[in-house]
Protein backbone atom coordinates (compact mmCIF):
# COMPACT_ATOMS: atom_id res chain seq x y z
CA MET A 1 44.53 -8.25 -41.78
CA SER A 2 43.83 -10.84 -44.32
CA GLU A 3 42.18 -9.66 -47.56
CA PRO A 4 39.22 -7.92 -47.91
CA PHE A 5 36.39 -10.70 -48.52
CA LEU A 6 32.38 -9.68 -48.70
CA VAL A 7 29.74 -10.79 -45.79
CA MET A 8 26.14 -9.57 -47.36
CA LEU A 9 23.53 -10.53 -44.34
CA ASP A 10 20.01 -10.57 -44.53
CA ARG A 11 18.27 -7.78 -42.15
CA ASP A 12 14.87 -9.63 -40.09
CA GLY A 13 15.92 -12.61 -38.65
CA THR A 14 19.68 -12.08 -39.45
CA ILE A 15 20.36 -9.03 -37.74
CA ASN A 16 17.43 -7.91 -35.51
CA VAL A 17 14.32 -9.38 -34.72
CA ASP A 18 11.85 -9.86 -37.18
CA LYS A 19 8.84 -8.33 -36.37
CA HIS A 20 6.60 -10.19 -39.81
CA TYR A 21 6.61 -6.44 -41.88
CA LEU A 22 8.93 -3.77 -39.10
CA ALA A 23 7.45 -0.28 -40.55
CA ASP A 24 8.85 1.36 -37.19
CA PRO A 25 12.15 2.16 -36.81
CA ALA A 26 11.23 2.56 -32.68
CA GLY A 27 10.37 -1.18 -32.93
CA LEU A 28 13.94 -2.29 -34.13
CA ASP A 29 15.82 -4.95 -31.62
CA LEU A 30 18.74 -6.59 -32.13
CA LEU A 31 19.49 -10.30 -32.06
CA PRO A 32 21.03 -11.53 -29.55
CA GLY A 33 24.54 -11.97 -30.61
CA ALA A 34 24.16 -9.81 -33.49
CA VAL A 35 26.98 -7.22 -32.65
CA ASP A 36 29.41 -9.92 -31.86
CA GLY A 37 29.11 -12.04 -34.83
CA LEU A 38 29.40 -8.24 -36.97
CA VAL A 39 32.22 -7.10 -34.59
CA LYS A 40 34.34 -10.33 -35.83
CA LEU A 41 33.57 -10.09 -39.11
CA ARG A 42 34.68 -6.68 -39.16
CA ASP A 43 37.73 -7.49 -37.51
CA ALA A 44 38.58 -10.36 -40.04
CA GLY A 45 38.56 -8.05 -42.63
CA ALA A 46 35.02 -8.94 -44.02
CA VAL A 47 33.44 -6.12 -45.78
CA LEU A 48 29.58 -5.59 -44.75
CA CYS A 49 26.43 -5.19 -46.97
CA ILE A 50 22.85 -6.39 -46.52
CA VAL A 51 20.70 -7.76 -48.23
CA THR A 52 16.86 -7.25 -47.89
CA ASN A 53 14.49 -8.53 -49.29
CA GLN A 54 11.41 -5.75 -48.11
CA SER A 55 7.89 -7.39 -50.15
CA GLY A 56 6.16 -4.75 -47.16
CA ILE A 57 6.47 -2.25 -49.59
CA GLY A 58 5.44 -4.07 -52.87
CA ARG A 59 2.36 -4.80 -50.68
CA GLY A 60 1.83 -1.74 -49.63
CA TYR A 61 2.44 -2.48 -45.82
CA PHE A 62 5.37 1.11 -46.00
CA ASP A 63 7.04 3.01 -48.52
CA ARG A 64 10.53 2.98 -49.52
CA THR A 65 11.04 6.27 -47.13
CA THR A 66 10.29 3.82 -43.94
CA ALA A 67 11.89 0.95 -45.11
CA ASP A 68 14.99 3.24 -45.90
CA SER A 69 14.65 5.05 -42.18
CA ILE A 70 14.49 1.22 -40.34
CA ASN A 71 18.02 0.91 -42.07
CA ASP A 72 18.95 3.86 -41.17
CA ALA A 73 18.49 3.56 -37.29
CA LEU A 74 19.55 0.48 -37.88
CA VAL A 75 23.08 1.40 -39.00
CA GLU A 76 22.69 4.02 -36.12
CA MET A 77 22.87 1.15 -33.31
CA LEU A 78 25.31 -0.39 -34.65
CA LYS A 79 27.42 2.76 -35.22
CA PRO A 80 28.69 2.94 -31.44
CA HIS A 81 30.51 -0.90 -31.91
CA GLY A 82 32.20 0.67 -35.09
CA ILE A 83 30.19 -1.73 -37.12
CA THR A 84 29.05 -0.13 -40.75
CA PHE A 85 27.95 -1.50 -44.09
CA ALA A 86 29.79 -0.44 -47.24
CA HIS A 87 25.95 -1.04 -48.85
CA ILE A 88 22.49 -1.51 -47.94
CA ALA A 89 20.87 -3.12 -50.97
CA LEU A 90 16.77 -3.53 -51.09
CA CYS A 91 14.32 -5.43 -53.12
CA PRO A 92 11.13 -2.91 -52.91
CA HIS A 93 9.54 -6.00 -54.97
CA ALA A 94 5.71 -8.26 -53.99
CA PRO A 95 7.45 -12.18 -54.26
CA ASP A 96 4.70 -12.43 -57.37
CA GLU A 97 6.21 -10.03 -59.09
CA VAL A 98 9.24 -10.72 -61.71
CA CYS A 99 12.17 -8.66 -60.96
CA GLU A 100 16.57 -9.44 -60.71
CA CYS A 101 16.62 -8.47 -57.27
CA ARG A 102 13.97 -10.51 -55.00
CA LYS A 103 16.53 -13.40 -53.34
CA PRO A 104 17.13 -15.59 -54.44
CA ALA A 105 18.17 -13.70 -57.65
CA PRO A 106 21.44 -12.25 -57.80
CA GLY A 107 20.92 -8.29 -58.55
CA MET A 108 21.59 -7.24 -54.60
CA ALA A 109 24.54 -9.24 -54.42
CA LEU A 110 25.58 -7.29 -58.22
CA GLU A 111 24.79 -4.70 -56.35
CA CYS A 112 27.32 -5.35 -53.37
CA ALA A 113 30.17 -6.81 -55.66
CA GLN A 114 29.89 -3.70 -57.95
CA ALA A 115 29.49 -1.15 -54.53
CA THR A 116 32.38 -3.31 -53.06
CA GLY A 117 34.80 -3.83 -55.80
CA LEU A 118 34.70 -7.91 -53.69
CA ALA A 119 34.50 -11.04 -55.80
CA LEU A 120 31.18 -13.15 -55.45
CA ALA A 121 33.36 -16.14 -55.40
CA ASP A 122 34.57 -15.58 -52.14
CA SER A 123 31.85 -14.07 -50.85
CA TRP A 124 29.19 -15.56 -48.32
CA VAL A 125 25.49 -14.64 -47.23
CA ILE A 126 24.09 -14.98 -43.62
CA GLY A 127 20.23 -14.95 -43.65
CA ASP A 128 17.11 -16.79 -42.09
CA LYS A 129 15.60 -18.30 -45.15
CA ALA A 130 16.06 -20.12 -47.51
CA SER A 131 16.15 -17.58 -50.02
CA ASP A 132 19.53 -16.36 -48.53
CA VAL A 133 21.35 -19.56 -49.32
CA GLY A 134 19.88 -19.27 -52.29
CA LEU A 135 21.63 -16.56 -53.32
CA ALA A 136 24.42 -17.67 -52.19
CA ASN A 137 23.76 -20.46 -55.09
CA ASN A 138 22.98 -18.15 -57.57
CA THR A 139 26.08 -16.27 -56.71
CA GLY A 140 29.15 -18.49 -56.45
CA GLY A 141 28.67 -17.62 -53.16
CA ARG A 142 28.47 -20.06 -49.39
CA GLY A 143 25.39 -19.90 -47.38
CA ILE A 144 24.54 -19.47 -43.70
CA LEU A 145 21.04 -20.29 -42.32
CA ILE A 146 19.97 -18.67 -38.85
CA SER A 147 17.85 -21.53 -37.36
CA GLY A 148 15.13 -19.80 -39.32
CA GLU A 149 13.21 -22.12 -42.42
CA THR A 150 14.19 -26.19 -42.45
CA ASP A 151 13.36 -26.56 -45.88
CA ILE A 152 16.46 -26.82 -46.44
CA GLN A 153 18.41 -31.01 -46.68
CA ALA A 154 20.72 -31.49 -44.35
CA GLY A 155 24.14 -30.82 -45.13
CA GLN A 156 23.84 -28.53 -47.93
CA VAL A 157 24.66 -25.66 -46.09
CA PHE A 158 26.10 -25.07 -42.09
CA THR A 159 23.28 -23.97 -39.71
CA ALA A 160 24.16 -21.94 -36.62
CA PRO A 161 21.81 -20.41 -34.22
CA SER A 162 23.35 -17.26 -34.29
CA LEU A 163 25.19 -14.41 -36.61
CA SER A 164 27.84 -14.90 -33.55
CA GLU A 165 28.18 -18.28 -33.97
CA ALA A 166 27.67 -17.74 -37.80
CA ALA A 167 31.08 -16.01 -37.64
CA ASP A 168 32.72 -18.22 -36.12
CA TYR A 169 32.52 -20.30 -39.09
CA ILE A 170 33.69 -17.88 -41.52
CA LEU A 171 36.68 -17.89 -39.78
CA GLN A 172 37.31 -21.33 -39.23
CA ALA A 173 36.61 -21.72 -43.00
CA ARG A 174 39.07 -18.91 -44.10
CA ALA A 175 41.94 -20.02 -42.04
CA SER A 176 41.73 -23.50 -43.18
């Protein structure tokens, strides 16, 4: 196995279906290709972390305990596949609050790097929004956009239809 490397993943719209302020773990559904992609990354030596903006907390739609229960349910869903996360970083702030953790700010990535001891310069961020790619840009890593927003100029970032294809791209890039 190669040297470990850090892969930070957005949660909603990347690993699981984005249900727009998901507030009930029972509504958690994995996206097609998510398990396959996570397994490929794990098998290649990736240390997986989740980096998730949860503005529903800051907006008062749900509380931190609810957000943590959804993260716990996701961990349990993936455990039978041998998928674990070294760290889960969560930003509870609304978009208009000033903080260092809301993507694309580097706070959650720094938290993951500290938790894992891995360098951000060799990291990858996979997500479905421009802020996810912005996190990669702001920390010296590389970003991959899973479908999602199209407001990123063509050629700036690799786009993939699913986490499985994103994993394939990372493995090809690391092999060359």
